[in-house]
Amino acid sequence: MRLVNRTALKAQIGAVGYARLPGRAAIDFFECHDAEAWGRFVGSWDDLGADLYMADGGRYRRRRHAAFRVVDGVAERKPHQPHFQSRDYNRLNGDVQRWFMPVSEAVASSPVTRAILRQCGLLFTAVSGRPADQPWHVELHQFRIEASAETEGRPTPEGRHRDGVDWVLVMLIARDNVSEGLTEISTPGGEALGQFMLDVFGDAVFLDDHRVLHGVTPITPIDPAAPAHRDALVVTFRAQPVDAPAG
């Protein structure tokens, strides 16, 4: 196990609005070293439901969704609810309450999920300067983007964007027979800040959603005759008032 310099991580996010961790370092950062739990977590991406809300008519995206309340690193799952973004943040699919298949209870209660929510909650609380007892509204998304010889897969069909939250974690789960899929980071004014590949399991990027836009270029299959997909975990954190309703 390699210790992650958390002070440097927070400083980088504060300086440029995002920070990357390579896969092994990200796994160490989350402080969950249960290999069997990680195996079950990754395997759950084989059981996602179709995203039926794509305004471009695409059927290349599969996903599950869950919401949590996180306080001082402790996560409590909320009742299943729709995912909503305004068109200010999602020009393609905004202003629609989108009901996706819920994240399975096995994944929601997994030690992997709990470790990710805990460590992200503590990191984002620290870099925000918020009191530890202030809650976060957290949404967890499991994504699989599929590509074929006939259809490219678009991880972010809305282009470079904000999610309309405070903080975002994007973590690569798998790339299978996939080329391209570059992560792009820019300022809201369009100035490029970074372009890189989340390439191996665990590669992660932490984003200040107020300061940067993010997007991923379309993917295509390396072997057009074989299945191709890119799996990712996206977790968003939005400050929730102490007296806000639980839903």
Protein backbone atom coordinates (compact mmCIF):
# COMPACT_ATOMS: atom_id res chain seq x y z
CA MET A 1 0.00 0.00 0.00
CA ARG A 2 1.25 3.48 -0.93
CA LEU A 3 0.11 6.43 1.13
CA VAL A 4 -1.59 9.19 -0.84
CA ASN A 5 -0.41 12.69 0.00
CA ARG A 6 -3.80 14.12 0.88
CA THR A 7 -2.42 17.59 1.53
CA ALA A 8 -0.98 17.70 -1.99
CA LEU A 9 -4.22 16.34 -3.43
CA LYS A 10 -6.26 19.07 -1.74
CA ALA A 11 -3.74 21.70 -2.82
CA GLN A 12 -3.93 20.63 -6.46
CA ILE A 13 -7.72 20.73 -6.46
CA GLY A 14 -7.59 24.17 -4.88
CA ALA A 15 -5.04 25.42 -7.39
CA VAL A 16 -6.49 24.22 -10.71
CA GLY A 17 -9.96 22.87 -9.93
CA TYR A 18 -9.20 19.19 -10.47
CA ALA A 19 -6.77 16.43 -9.52
CA ARG A 20 -5.96 13.02 -10.94
CA LEU A 21 -4.96 9.82 -9.19
CA PRO A 22 -3.67 6.76 -11.04
CA GLY A 23 -5.50 3.54 -10.37
CA ARG A 24 -3.36 2.01 -7.64
CA ALA A 25 -3.10 5.32 -5.79
CA ALA A 26 -6.88 5.84 -6.03
CA ILE A 27 -7.56 2.39 -4.57
CA ASP A 28 -5.17 3.19 -1.72
CA PHE A 29 -6.85 6.57 -1.20
CA PHE A 30 -10.24 4.91 -0.73
CA GLU A 31 -8.73 2.65 1.96
CA CYS A 32 -10.63 -0.47 0.96
CA HIS A 33 -8.29 -3.39 0.30
CA ASP A 34 -10.85 -6.18 0.16
CA ALA A 35 -10.05 -7.76 -3.22
CA GLU A 36 -13.20 -9.89 -3.24
CA ALA A 37 -15.38 -6.85 -2.53
CA TRP A 38 -13.73 -4.97 -5.37
CA GLY A 39 -14.32 -7.95 -7.67
CA ARG A 40 -18.04 -8.01 -6.87
CA PHE A 41 -18.23 -4.23 -7.25
CA VAL A 42 -16.65 -4.31 -10.72
CA GLY A 43 -18.77 -7.30 -11.75
CA SER A 44 -21.97 -5.37 -11.05
CA TRP A 45 -21.38 -3.32 -14.22
CA ASP A 46 -22.53 -6.41 -16.16
CA ASP A 47 -26.06 -5.88 -14.81
CA LEU A 48 -27.03 -2.31 -15.75
CA GLY A 49 -30.27 -1.17 -17.37
CA ALA A 50 -30.69 0.71 -20.63
CA ASP A 51 -30.80 4.52 -20.49
CA LEU A 52 -34.11 5.23 -22.22
CA TYR A 53 -33.93 9.02 -21.88
CA MET A 54 -31.36 9.81 -24.57
CA ALA A 55 -32.70 12.73 -26.59
CA ASP A 56 -30.31 11.86 -29.43
CA GLY A 57 -32.11 8.51 -29.81
CA GLY A 58 -29.01 6.57 -28.82
CA ARG A 59 -29.15 3.18 -27.13
CA TYR A 60 -25.44 3.01 -26.36
CA ARG A 61 -25.66 3.88 -22.64
CA ARG A 62 -26.52 1.61 -19.72
CA ARG A 63 -26.68 2.75 -16.09
CA ARG A 64 -27.92 2.47 -12.52
CA HIS A 65 -28.40 5.30 -10.01
CA ALA A 66 -28.68 5.83 -6.25
CA ALA A 67 -28.80 8.78 -3.84
CA PHE A 68 -27.19 9.06 -0.40
CA ARG A 69 -26.87 11.46 2.49
CA VAL A 70 -23.24 11.66 3.63
CA VAL A 71 -22.23 13.37 6.86
CA ASP A 72 -18.72 13.24 8.34
CA GLY A 73 -17.90 10.33 6.06
CA VAL A 74 -20.96 8.25 7.05
CA ALA A 75 -23.36 7.37 4.22
CA GLU A 76 -27.09 6.70 4.48
CA ARG A 77 -28.98 5.62 1.37
CA LYS A 78 -31.98 7.75 0.46
CA PRO A 79 -35.23 6.45 -1.06
CA HIS A 80 -34.90 5.84 -4.77
CA GLN A 81 -35.50 9.06 -6.67
CA PRO A 82 -35.16 10.50 -10.17
CA HIS A 83 -32.00 12.12 -11.45
CA PHE A 84 -32.67 15.71 -12.54
CA GLN A 85 -30.48 18.29 -14.27
CA SER A 86 -31.65 21.57 -15.74
CA ARG A 87 -30.89 22.41 -19.35
CA ASP A 88 -28.42 24.96 -18.02
CA TYR A 89 -26.14 21.98 -17.31
CA ASN A 90 -27.37 19.30 -19.69
CA ARG A 91 -28.55 20.70 -23.00
CA LEU A 92 -29.34 17.25 -24.37
CA ASN A 93 -31.27 15.57 -21.57
CA GLY A 94 -32.01 18.38 -19.12
CA ASP A 95 -35.32 19.48 -17.54
CA VAL A 96 -36.52 15.87 -17.33
CA GLN A 97 -36.92 13.69 -14.25
CA ARG A 98 -35.05 10.58 -15.29
CA TRP A 99 -35.81 7.37 -13.42
CA PHE A 100 -33.00 4.86 -13.84
CA MET A 101 -32.71 1.36 -12.45
CA PRO A 102 -31.63 1.62 -8.80
CA VAL A 103 -28.15 0.59 -7.77
CA SER A 104 -28.50 -2.87 -6.24
CA GLU A 105 -28.51 -3.12 -2.46
CA ALA A 106 -25.40 -5.31 -2.66
CA VAL A 107 -23.53 -2.46 -4.39
CA ALA A 108 -25.02 0.28 -2.21
CA SER A 109 -23.96 -1.51 0.98
CA SER A 110 -20.64 -2.76 -0.38
CA PRO A 111 -17.54 -1.87 1.64
CA VAL A 112 -16.16 -0.45 -1.60
CA THR A 113 -19.07 1.96 -2.03
CA ARG A 114 -18.96 2.97 1.62
CA ALA A 115 -15.21 3.58 1.43
CA ILE A 116 -15.54 5.72 -1.71
CA LEU A 117 -18.35 7.80 -0.22
CA ARG A 118 -16.48 8.20 3.05
CA GLN A 119 -13.16 9.30 1.59
CA CYS A 120 -14.71 11.58 -1.03
CA GLY A 121 -16.95 13.12 1.62
CA LEU A 122 -14.01 13.82 3.90
CA LEU A 123 -11.90 15.19 1.02
CA PHE A 124 -14.60 17.47 -0.37
CA THR A 125 -15.54 18.69 3.10
CA ALA A 126 -11.92 19.57 3.79
CA VAL A 127 -11.25 21.31 0.47
CA SER A 128 -14.55 23.20 0.75
CA GLY A 129 -13.84 24.35 4.30
CA ARG A 130 -17.29 23.16 5.40
CA PRO A 131 -18.01 22.00 8.97
CA ALA A 132 -17.73 18.23 9.28
CA ASP A 133 -21.34 17.91 10.47
CA GLN A 134 -22.81 19.52 7.34
CA PRO A 135 -24.51 16.93 5.08
CA TRP A 136 -23.92 16.24 1.42
CA HIS A 137 -26.52 15.09 -1.09
CA VAL A 138 -24.69 12.44 -3.09
CA GLU A 139 -25.69 10.72 -6.30
CA LEU A 140 -23.90 7.60 -7.51
CA HIS A 141 -24.04 6.58 -11.17
CA GLN A 142 -22.83 3.36 -12.73
CA PHE A 143 -22.28 3.88 -16.47
CA ARG A 144 -21.52 1.51 -19.32
CA ILE A 145 -21.00 3.12 -22.74
CA GLU A 146 -21.14 0.65 -25.62
CA ALA A 147 -19.70 1.03 -29.11
CA SER A 148 -19.97 -0.98 -32.29
CA ALA A 149 -18.86 -0.86 -35.91
CA GLU A 150 -22.11 0.98 -36.70
CA THR A 151 -22.40 3.25 -33.65
CA GLU A 152 -19.82 5.17 -31.65
CA GLY A 153 -20.36 5.39 -27.90
CA ARG A 154 -20.56 8.85 -26.38
CA PRO A 155 -19.72 8.99 -22.66
CA THR A 156 -20.76 12.66 -22.53
CA PRO A 157 -23.18 13.24 -25.43
CA GLU A 158 -23.91 16.71 -24.05
CA GLY A 159 -20.25 17.70 -24.63
CA ARG A 160 -18.01 19.35 -22.06
CA HIS A 161 -20.26 20.37 -19.21
CA ARG A 162 -20.82 20.99 -15.53
CA ASP A 163 -23.05 18.62 -13.57
CA GLY A 164 -24.69 21.41 -11.55
CA VAL A 165 -23.30 20.16 -8.23
CA ASP A 166 -20.30 21.07 -6.07
CA TRP A 167 -17.88 18.18 -6.53
CA VAL A 168 -17.53 15.19 -8.85
CA LEU A 169 -15.55 11.95 -8.77
CA VAL A 170 -15.06 10.06 -12.03
CA MET A 171 -13.40 6.66 -11.75
CA LEU A 172 -12.66 4.22 -14.56
CA ILE A 173 -13.91 0.71 -13.95
CA ALA A 174 -13.00 -0.95 -17.28
CA ARG A 175 -12.14 -0.40 -20.93
CA ASP A 176 -12.80 -3.42 -23.14
CA ASN A 177 -11.86 -3.33 -26.84
CA VAL A 178 -12.07 0.47 -26.79
CA SER A 179 -10.08 3.23 -28.47
CA GLU A 180 -10.32 6.94 -27.72
CA GLY A 181 -12.41 8.16 -24.79
CA LEU A 182 -10.14 11.04 -23.76
CA THR A 183 -11.14 13.01 -20.70
CA GLU A 184 -11.07 16.77 -21.37
CA ILE A 185 -11.02 19.48 -18.70
CA SER A 186 -11.51 23.19 -19.42
CA THR A 187 -12.52 26.42 -17.78
CA PRO A 188 -16.12 27.63 -18.23
CA GLY A 189 -14.68 30.10 -20.72
CA GLY A 190 -13.29 27.29 -22.86
CA GLU A 191 -9.59 27.42 -21.92
CA ALA A 192 -8.14 23.90 -22.04
CA LEU A 193 -6.75 22.72 -18.70
CA GLY A 194 -6.03 19.08 -19.45
CA GLN A 195 -6.62 16.13 -21.75
CA PHE A 196 -5.80 12.61 -20.59
CA MET A 197 -6.95 9.03 -20.71
CA LEU A 198 -8.50 7.24 -17.78
CA ASP A 199 -6.90 4.05 -18.97
CA VAL A 200 -6.65 1.38 -16.26
CA PHE A 201 -8.94 0.22 -13.50
CA GLY A 202 -9.12 2.77 -10.69
CA ASP A 203 -7.82 5.78 -12.61
CA ALA A 204 -9.73 8.68 -11.08
CA VAL A 205 -10.25 12.42 -11.35
CA PHE A 206 -11.71 14.73 -8.70
CA LEU A 207 -13.45 17.84 -10.06
CA ASP A 208 -14.56 21.19 -8.65
CA ASP A 209 -17.80 21.49 -10.58
CA HIS A 210 -17.99 25.25 -10.04
CA ARG A 211 -14.61 25.89 -11.64
CA VAL A 212 -14.16 23.39 -14.46
CA LEU A 213 -16.04 21.70 -17.29
CA HIS A 214 -15.41 18.05 -18.08
CA GLY A 215 -16.20 15.74 -20.96
CA VAL A 216 -15.07 12.52 -22.63
CA THR A 217 -14.55 12.04 -26.36
CA PRO A 218 -16.54 9.29 -28.17
CA ILE A 219 -15.28 5.73 -28.10
CA THR A 220 -15.00 3.27 -30.98
CA PRO A 221 -14.16 -0.46 -30.99
CA ILE A 222 -10.60 -1.56 -31.68
CA ASP A 223 -11.94 -4.78 -33.21
CA PRO A 224 -15.21 -3.85 -34.97
CA ALA A 225 -16.38 -7.46 -34.86
CA ALA A 226 -16.20 -7.73 -31.06
CA PRO A 227 -18.19 -6.07 -28.25
CA ALA A 228 -16.72 -2.84 -26.90
CA HIS A 229 -17.54 -0.83 -23.81
CA ARG A 230 -16.22 1.70 -21.31
CA ASP A 231 -17.38 1.40 -17.70
CA ALA A 232 -17.18 4.30 -15.26
CA LEU A 233 -18.33 5.31 -11.80
CA VAL A 234 -19.50 8.90 -11.35
CA VAL A 235 -20.27 10.26 -7.88
CA THR A 236 -21.51 13.81 -7.36
CA PHE A 237 -21.61 15.80 -4.10
CA ARG A 238 -23.91 18.77 -3.51
CA ALA A 239 -24.12 20.70 -0.26
CA GLN A 240 -27.37 19.97 1.56
CA PRO A 241 -28.73 22.26 4.29
CA VAL A 242 -28.87 20.64 7.71
CA ASP A 243 -32.66 20.93 7.84
CA ALA A 244 -33.28 19.79 4.25
CA PRO A 245 -35.69 16.86 3.79
CA ALA A 246 -34.12 13.42 3.53
CA GLY A 247 -35.36 12.76 -0.02
